[in-house]
Amino acid sequence: MREFWKKSWFIKLVSLLIAVLLVIYINSTQGGFLSQGQAEKTKQTANKTQTIKVPLQVSVDTDKYYVVGYPEKVSVTLEGSTALVTSTVNTQNFRAYIDLTNKSIGKHNVKIHVNGINRQISYSLNPRSVEVDIQRRKSTTMPIQIEYNKSAVARGYQLGHSSVYPQQVEVTGARSEVDQIDQIVAKVVLPNGIDHTYERQVNLIAEDHKGRQLNVVIDPATAKVSIPVTTAKKAVKIKLEPEHEKMNKIYSLTAKTKYVTLYGSEDDLAKVKHLKVPVDLGTITASTTKTITFNLPDGVVRSNPRQITVDVKVENANDSKNKNN
């Protein structure tokens, strides 16, 4: 057995086998590390393109000048490594701006600049330049007017004196625009058939004498509008009107409530002198108490109370004659 292990051909065969296994192992491990490194490198160098909208800032002496014509935002397309582009989009720690500090009053086409973007990121703008109009700045204080559809109020109701808070606002803009202002308006659209006081926070609009909206800044931009919707009221006496009386009965009616308050428009209430309340006696054969919900006169929207209690006394006609005799 010892002689077998000492044979040279066997030792050579084992050595060769070990060498092959070592080569396979080394190749597999190096290949794994290489693949991982290449993946990391690919991941780091992968590019990304993304477009975002950012506010357009204006460098100008705002105490003297007012600028119109430029968009509120511009589109910036970023291109670079995925990590840098994603970070830039999330933080937006750069700005797009136009510099008007050395520009005179009038219209200008100015280039949009960007600063704060990492140098490893390329970018493009849309638009690249904008047309602006630099004008003298003007501020003034003006009262607020209320406009609303008065015909929307329900029948029997009337509109009270409307109010707005605040009563006046500060208006700022280009002098040419501010000088055209005819009124600052709070426009209210009342729902049809409204029967209650209307209160809303309303956007304010600057209009010229033709009703065209002007491009100015109103501070505050909204106002609270209150439009009372009420009814007139009138107290009237109740007049009981018996119906369907039987010939052999004598009835005596007494209302526990003498007056009723009616609500409606002043014109409709003026036509009501008293409230007629029919009392149906057709089914009454003995003294009783009857609760009656009465009809409202034309133009009257509600009443207080809405129903009355009537005491009904009933006697036979023959019994009444005998008492008199």
Protein backbone atom coordinates (compact mmCIF):
# COMPACT_ATOMS: atom_id res chain seq x y z
CA MET A 1 0.00 0.00 0.00
CA ARG A 2 2.85 2.34 0.84
CA GLU A 3 4.37 1.62 -2.53
CA PHE A 4 1.16 2.76 -4.19
CA TRP A 5 1.29 6.22 -2.64
CA LYS A 6 4.93 6.64 -3.59
CA LYS A 7 4.32 6.19 -7.32
CA SER A 8 5.14 9.39 -9.26
CA TRP A 9 2.20 9.24 -11.68
CA PHE A 10 -0.27 9.29 -8.81
CA ILE A 11 1.37 12.29 -7.16
CA LYS A 12 1.33 14.16 -10.46
CA LEU A 13 -2.36 13.42 -10.96
CA VAL A 14 -3.31 14.68 -7.50
CA SER A 15 -1.21 17.83 -7.96
CA LEU A 16 -2.91 18.55 -11.27
CA LEU A 17 -6.34 18.10 -9.75
CA ILE A 18 -5.53 20.45 -6.89
CA ALA A 19 -4.21 23.05 -9.35
CA VAL A 20 -7.38 22.90 -11.43
CA LEU A 21 -9.57 23.34 -8.36
CA LEU A 22 -7.49 26.34 -7.24
CA VAL A 23 -7.86 28.01 -10.63
CA ILE A 24 -11.62 27.47 -10.62
CA TYR A 25 -11.94 28.89 -7.12
CA ILE A 26 -9.81 31.94 -7.84
CA ASN A 27 -11.68 32.72 -11.07
CA SER A 28 -15.06 32.42 -9.39
CA THR A 29 -14.14 34.72 -6.49
CA GLN A 30 -12.43 37.30 -8.65
CA GLY A 31 -15.31 37.24 -11.07
CA GLY A 32 -17.73 37.91 -8.24
CA PHE A 33 -15.74 40.87 -6.94
CA LEU A 34 -15.29 42.18 -10.44
CA SER A 35 -18.98 41.90 -11.20
CA GLN A 36 -19.90 43.69 -7.98
CA GLY A 37 -17.40 46.46 -8.62
CA GLN A 38 -18.64 46.93 -12.15
CA ALA A 39 -22.24 47.12 -10.91
CA GLU A 40 -21.29 49.77 -8.37
CA LYS A 41 -19.43 51.72 -11.00
CA THR A 42 -22.38 51.49 -13.40
CA LYS A 43 -24.73 52.59 -10.65
CA GLN A 44 -22.58 55.59 -9.82
CA THR A 45 -22.21 56.72 -13.42
CA ALA A 46 -25.89 56.18 -14.49
CA ASN A 47 -27.39 59.41 -15.88
CA LYS A 48 -30.82 60.92 -15.23
CA THR A 49 -32.78 63.74 -16.88
CA GLN A 50 -35.62 65.53 -15.10
CA THR A 51 -37.56 68.74 -15.70
CA ILE A 52 -38.98 70.82 -12.85
CA LYS A 53 -40.66 74.20 -12.53
CA VAL A 54 -39.05 76.77 -10.24
CA PRO A 55 -40.07 80.33 -9.28
CA LEU A 56 -38.56 83.10 -11.39
CA GLN A 57 -37.06 85.75 -9.11
CA VAL A 58 -36.62 89.38 -10.14
CA SER A 59 -33.76 91.62 -9.04
CA VAL A 60 -35.05 95.21 -9.12
CA ASP A 61 -35.60 98.18 -6.83
CA THR A 62 -39.15 97.31 -5.72
CA ASP A 63 -39.54 100.64 -3.87
CA LYS A 64 -39.37 102.51 -7.18
CA TYR A 65 -40.35 100.09 -9.91
CA TYR A 66 -43.02 97.55 -10.71
CA VAL A 67 -42.36 94.81 -13.28
CA VAL A 68 -44.99 93.03 -15.37
CA GLY A 69 -44.90 90.49 -18.17
CA TYR A 70 -42.70 87.75 -16.75
CA PRO A 71 -43.97 84.25 -15.83
CA GLU A 72 -44.19 83.17 -12.19
CA LYS A 73 -42.25 79.96 -12.94
CA VAL A 74 -39.85 78.63 -15.55
CA SER A 75 -38.92 75.06 -16.53
CA VAL A 76 -35.43 73.80 -15.72
CA THR A 77 -34.24 70.51 -17.23
CA LEU A 78 -31.44 68.87 -15.23
CA GLU A 79 -29.10 66.16 -16.56
CA GLY A 80 -26.38 64.32 -14.68
CA SER A 81 -25.78 61.41 -12.39
CA THR A 82 -28.89 59.96 -10.82
CA ALA A 83 -27.76 60.78 -7.30
CA LEU A 84 -26.93 64.44 -8.04
CA VAL A 85 -30.08 65.11 -10.09
CA THR A 86 -32.31 63.49 -7.48
CA SER A 87 -30.67 65.49 -4.69
CA THR A 88 -30.99 68.75 -6.64
CA VAL A 89 -34.66 68.13 -7.42
CA ASN A 90 -35.47 67.32 -3.80
CA THR A 91 -33.62 70.28 -2.25
CA GLN A 92 -34.03 72.85 -5.06
CA ASN A 93 -31.18 74.81 -3.53
CA PHE A 94 -30.68 76.90 -6.66
CA ARG A 95 -32.55 79.83 -8.15
CA ALA A 96 -33.62 81.16 -11.53
CA TYR A 97 -33.64 84.94 -11.82
CA ILE A 98 -33.56 87.99 -14.07
CA ASP A 99 -31.41 90.99 -13.20
CA LEU A 100 -33.07 94.34 -13.92
CA THR A 101 -30.96 96.52 -11.64
CA ASN A 102 -29.34 98.35 -14.55
CA LYS A 103 -32.41 98.47 -16.79
CA SER A 104 -34.38 101.64 -17.52
CA ILE A 105 -38.15 102.14 -17.52
CA GLY A 106 -39.80 100.45 -20.49
CA LYS A 107 -39.88 97.07 -22.21
CA HIS A 108 -36.86 94.76 -22.30
CA ASN A 109 -36.00 91.24 -23.40
CA VAL A 110 -33.81 89.82 -20.64
CA LYS A 111 -31.94 86.56 -20.25
CA ILE A 112 -32.79 84.19 -17.39
CA HIS A 113 -29.86 83.21 -15.19
CA VAL A 114 -29.41 80.24 -12.85
CA ASN A 115 -27.01 79.89 -9.96
CA GLY A 116 -26.49 77.31 -7.24
CA ILE A 117 -26.55 74.20 -9.45
CA ASN A 118 -23.72 71.69 -9.02
CA ARG A 119 -21.15 72.01 -11.83
CA GLN A 120 -21.40 68.31 -12.55
CA ILE A 121 -25.01 68.80 -13.66
CA SER A 122 -25.92 70.29 -17.02
CA TYR A 123 -29.17 72.22 -17.39
CA SER A 124 -31.38 73.99 -19.90
CA LEU A 125 -34.12 76.61 -19.47
CA ASN A 126 -37.53 77.08 -21.00
CA PRO A 127 -37.91 79.92 -21.76
CA ARG A 128 -34.34 81.16 -21.94
CA SER A 129 -35.39 84.82 -21.89
CA VAL A 130 -38.52 86.83 -21.11
CA GLU A 131 -40.10 90.10 -22.20
CA VAL A 132 -40.64 92.44 -19.24
CA ASP A 133 -42.12 95.89 -18.79
CA ILE A 134 -40.52 98.05 -16.09
CA GLN A 135 -42.79 100.84 -14.86
CA ARG A 136 -42.95 103.33 -12.06
CA ARG A 137 -44.47 101.84 -8.93
CA LYS A 138 -47.58 103.34 -7.34
CA SER A 139 -49.62 102.47 -4.25
CA THR A 140 -52.96 103.83 -3.15
CA THR A 141 -55.82 103.02 -0.78
CA MET A 142 -59.32 102.39 -2.14
CA PRO A 143 -62.72 101.36 -0.72
CA ILE A 144 -64.35 98.02 -1.56
CA GLN A 145 -67.61 97.88 -3.49
CA ILE A 146 -69.99 94.89 -3.28
CA GLU A 147 -71.79 93.52 -6.32
CA TYR A 148 -74.41 90.75 -6.10
CA ASN A 149 -77.53 89.45 -7.84
CA LYS A 150 -80.38 91.01 -5.86
CA SER A 151 -83.04 89.07 -7.78
CA ALA A 152 -81.90 85.78 -6.17
CA VAL A 153 -83.67 86.51 -2.86
CA ALA A 154 -86.71 84.31 -2.13
CA ARG A 155 -90.20 85.78 -2.34
CA GLY A 156 -91.31 87.35 0.91
CA TYR A 157 -87.73 88.13 1.94
CA GLN A 158 -85.81 91.34 1.57
CA LEU A 159 -82.15 92.31 1.46
CA GLY A 160 -80.67 94.30 4.31
CA HIS A 161 -77.68 96.63 4.23
CA SER A 162 -74.64 94.67 3.03
CA SER A 163 -71.26 95.12 4.71
CA VAL A 164 -67.63 94.22 3.97
CA TYR A 165 -64.52 93.84 6.11
CA PRO A 166 -62.08 95.42 5.68
CA GLN A 167 -63.78 98.38 4.10
CA GLN A 168 -60.72 99.48 2.14
CA VAL A 169 -57.51 97.93 0.80
CA GLU A 170 -54.08 98.98 -0.45
CA VAL A 171 -53.51 98.62 -4.18
CA THR A 172 -50.02 98.45 -5.67
CA GLY A 173 -48.86 98.15 -9.26
CA ALA A 174 -47.53 99.95 -12.29
CA ARG A 175 -48.61 103.57 -12.27
CA SER A 176 -50.33 103.18 -15.65
CA GLU A 177 -52.46 100.33 -14.23
CA VAL A 178 -53.25 101.90 -10.86
CA ASP A 179 -54.34 105.15 -12.53
CA GLN A 180 -56.97 103.21 -14.52
CA ILE A 181 -58.68 101.68 -11.47
CA ASP A 182 -62.34 102.66 -11.24
CA GLN A 183 -63.27 100.41 -8.31
CA ILE A 184 -62.19 97.47 -6.16
CA VAL A 185 -65.01 94.93 -6.32
CA ALA A 186 -66.09 91.99 -4.18
CA LYS A 187 -68.37 90.02 -6.52
CA VAL A 188 -70.89 87.72 -4.85
CA VAL A 189 -73.18 85.21 -6.57
CA LEU A 190 -76.17 84.55 -4.31
CA PRO A 191 -77.89 81.15 -4.74
CA ASN A 192 -81.39 81.39 -6.18
CA GLY A 193 -84.18 81.47 -3.62
CA ILE A 194 -81.90 82.43 -0.73
CA ASP A 195 -83.81 83.01 2.52
CA HIS A 196 -81.00 83.51 5.04
CA THR A 197 -78.10 85.88 5.65
CA TYR A 198 -75.17 85.22 3.31
CA GLU A 199 -71.56 85.48 4.55
CA ARG A 200 -68.46 84.58 2.53
CA GLN A 201 -64.76 85.38 2.10
CA VAL A 202 -64.57 86.81 -1.42
CA ASN A 203 -61.67 87.48 -3.80
CA LEU A 204 -61.21 91.14 -4.70
CA ILE A 205 -60.84 92.46 -8.25
CA ALA A 206 -59.57 95.81 -9.56
CA GLU A 207 -61.63 97.05 -12.52
CA ASP A 208 -61.46 100.01 -14.86
CA HIS A 209 -64.53 102.02 -15.87
CA LYS A 210 -65.37 99.44 -18.57
CA GLY A 211 -65.31 96.54 -16.13
CA ARG A 212 -61.98 95.15 -17.34
CA GLN A 213 -59.76 93.51 -14.71
CA LEU A 214 -56.42 95.24 -14.08
CA ASN A 215 -53.07 93.66 -13.23
CA VAL A 216 -52.36 95.02 -9.74
CA VAL A 217 -51.66 93.62 -6.29
CA ILE A 218 -54.47 94.05 -3.74
CA ASP A 219 -53.64 93.75 -0.04
CA PRO A 220 -55.47 91.96 1.46
CA ALA A 221 -56.57 89.95 -1.55
CA THR A 222 -59.90 88.88 0.00
CA ALA A 223 -62.61 90.44 2.14
CA LYS A 224 -65.49 89.12 4.25
CA VAL A 225 -68.87 90.06 2.81
CA SER A 226 -72.13 89.89 4.77
CA ILE A 227 -75.51 90.31 3.05
CA PRO A 228 -78.50 90.18 5.45
CA VAL A 229 -81.62 88.46 4.11
CA THR A 230 -84.60 89.15 6.34
CA THR A 231 -88.38 89.50 6.37
CA ALA A 232 -90.65 92.27 7.58
CA LYS A 233 -93.18 91.33 10.30
CA LYS A 234 -96.66 92.39 11.32
CA ALA A 235 -99.00 91.39 14.16
CA VAL A 236 -102.59 90.87 13.03
CA LYS A 237 -105.78 89.89 14.83
CA ILE A 238 -107.30 86.45 14.29
CA LYS A 239 -110.75 86.26 12.76
CA LEU A 240 -112.46 82.87 13.13
CA GLU A 241 -114.76 81.84 10.30
CA PRO A 242 -117.07 78.86 11.07
CA GLU A 243 -117.82 76.45 8.22
CA HIS A 244 -120.33 73.59 7.71
CA GLU A 245 -122.54 74.49 10.68
CA LYS A 246 -125.54 72.26 11.40
CA MET A 247 -128.95 73.95 11.42
CA ASN A 248 -130.02 72.42 14.76
CA LYS A 249 -126.84 73.48 16.56
CA ILE A 250 -125.61 76.73 18.04
CA TYR A 251 -121.83 77.23 18.11
CA SER A 252 -119.64 79.53 20.14
CA LEU A 253 -115.98 79.85 19.01
CA THR A 254 -113.19 81.31 21.12
CA ALA A 255 -109.52 81.43 20.04
CA LYS A 256 -107.05 81.15 22.90
CA THR A 257 -104.57 83.17 20.79
CA LYS A 258 -105.82 86.60 19.80
CA TYR A 259 -102.94 87.79 17.56
CA VAL A 260 -100.47 86.15 15.17
CA THR A 261 -97.18 87.61 13.89
CA LEU A 262 -96.79 87.26 10.15
CA TYR A 263 -93.47 87.49 8.25
CA GLY A 264 -93.04 88.52 4.63
CA SER A 265 -92.33 91.46 2.37
CA GLU A 266 -93.60 94.84 3.49
CA ASP A 267 -95.82 95.17 0.41
CA ASP A 268 -97.51 91.81 0.99
CA LEU A 269 -97.98 92.39 4.72
CA ALA A 270 -99.61 95.77 4.05
CA LYS A 271 -102.45 93.93 2.28
CA VAL A 272 -103.26 91.79 5.33
CA LYS A 273 -105.70 93.48 7.76
CA HIS A 274 -106.53 90.39 9.81
CA LEU A 275 -105.93 86.65 9.63
CA LYS A 276 -108.93 84.58 8.57
CA VAL A 277 -108.93 81.12 10.16
CA PRO A 278 -111.67 78.74 8.90
CA VAL A 279 -113.07 76.36 11.55
CA ASP A 280 -114.73 73.20 10.17
CA LEU A 281 -117.74 72.36 12.37
CA GLY A 282 -119.19 69.61 10.19
CA THR A 283 -118.03 66.75 12.43
CA ILE A 284 -118.39 68.49 15.78
CA THR A 285 -121.52 67.49 17.76
CA ALA A 286 -120.44 68.41 21.29
CA SER A 287 -118.26 71.04 22.98
CA THR A 288 -114.57 70.44 22.34
CA THR A 289 -111.17 72.03 21.81
CA LYS A 290 -109.77 72.07 18.28
CA THR A 291 -106.17 72.71 17.13
CA ILE A 292 -106.00 74.36 13.73
CA THR A 293 -103.00 74.86 11.43
CA PHE A 294 -104.05 77.77 9.27
CA ASN A 295 -103.02 78.76 5.74
CA LEU A 296 -100.74 81.75 5.23
CA PRO A 297 -101.90 84.69 3.10
CA ASP A 298 -100.18 85.29 -0.25
CA GLY A 299 -96.68 86.67 0.16
CA VAL A 300 -96.41 85.61 3.81
CA VAL A 301 -93.55 83.14 4.32
CA ARG A 302 -94.05 82.15 7.95
CA SER A 303 -95.95 82.99 11.13
CA ASN A 304 -95.61 82.78 14.89
CA PRO A 305 -97.45 80.73 16.04
CA ARG A 306 -98.16 78.43 13.09
CA GLN A 307 -101.32 76.93 14.65
CA ILE A 308 -103.94 78.04 17.19
CA THR A 309 -106.28 76.35 19.68
CA VAL A 310 -110.00 77.10 19.44
CA ASP A 311 -112.63 76.29 22.09
CA VAL A 312 -115.90 75.21 20.48
CA LYS A 313 -119.07 75.21 22.53
CA VAL A 314 -122.08 73.43 21.06
CA GLU A 315 -125.76 73.68 22.07
CA ASN A 316 -128.90 72.27 20.57
CA ALA A 317 -131.08 74.97 19.04
CA ASN A 318 -134.24 73.64 20.78
CA ASP A 319 -132.55 73.70 24.18
CA SER A 320 -131.56 77.30 23.64
CA LYS A 321 -135.16 78.28 22.75
CA ASN A 322 -136.52 76.57 25.87
CA LYS A 323 -134.04 78.50 28.04
CA ASN A 324 -135.13 81.76 26.46
CA ASN A 325 -138.80 80.95 27.06
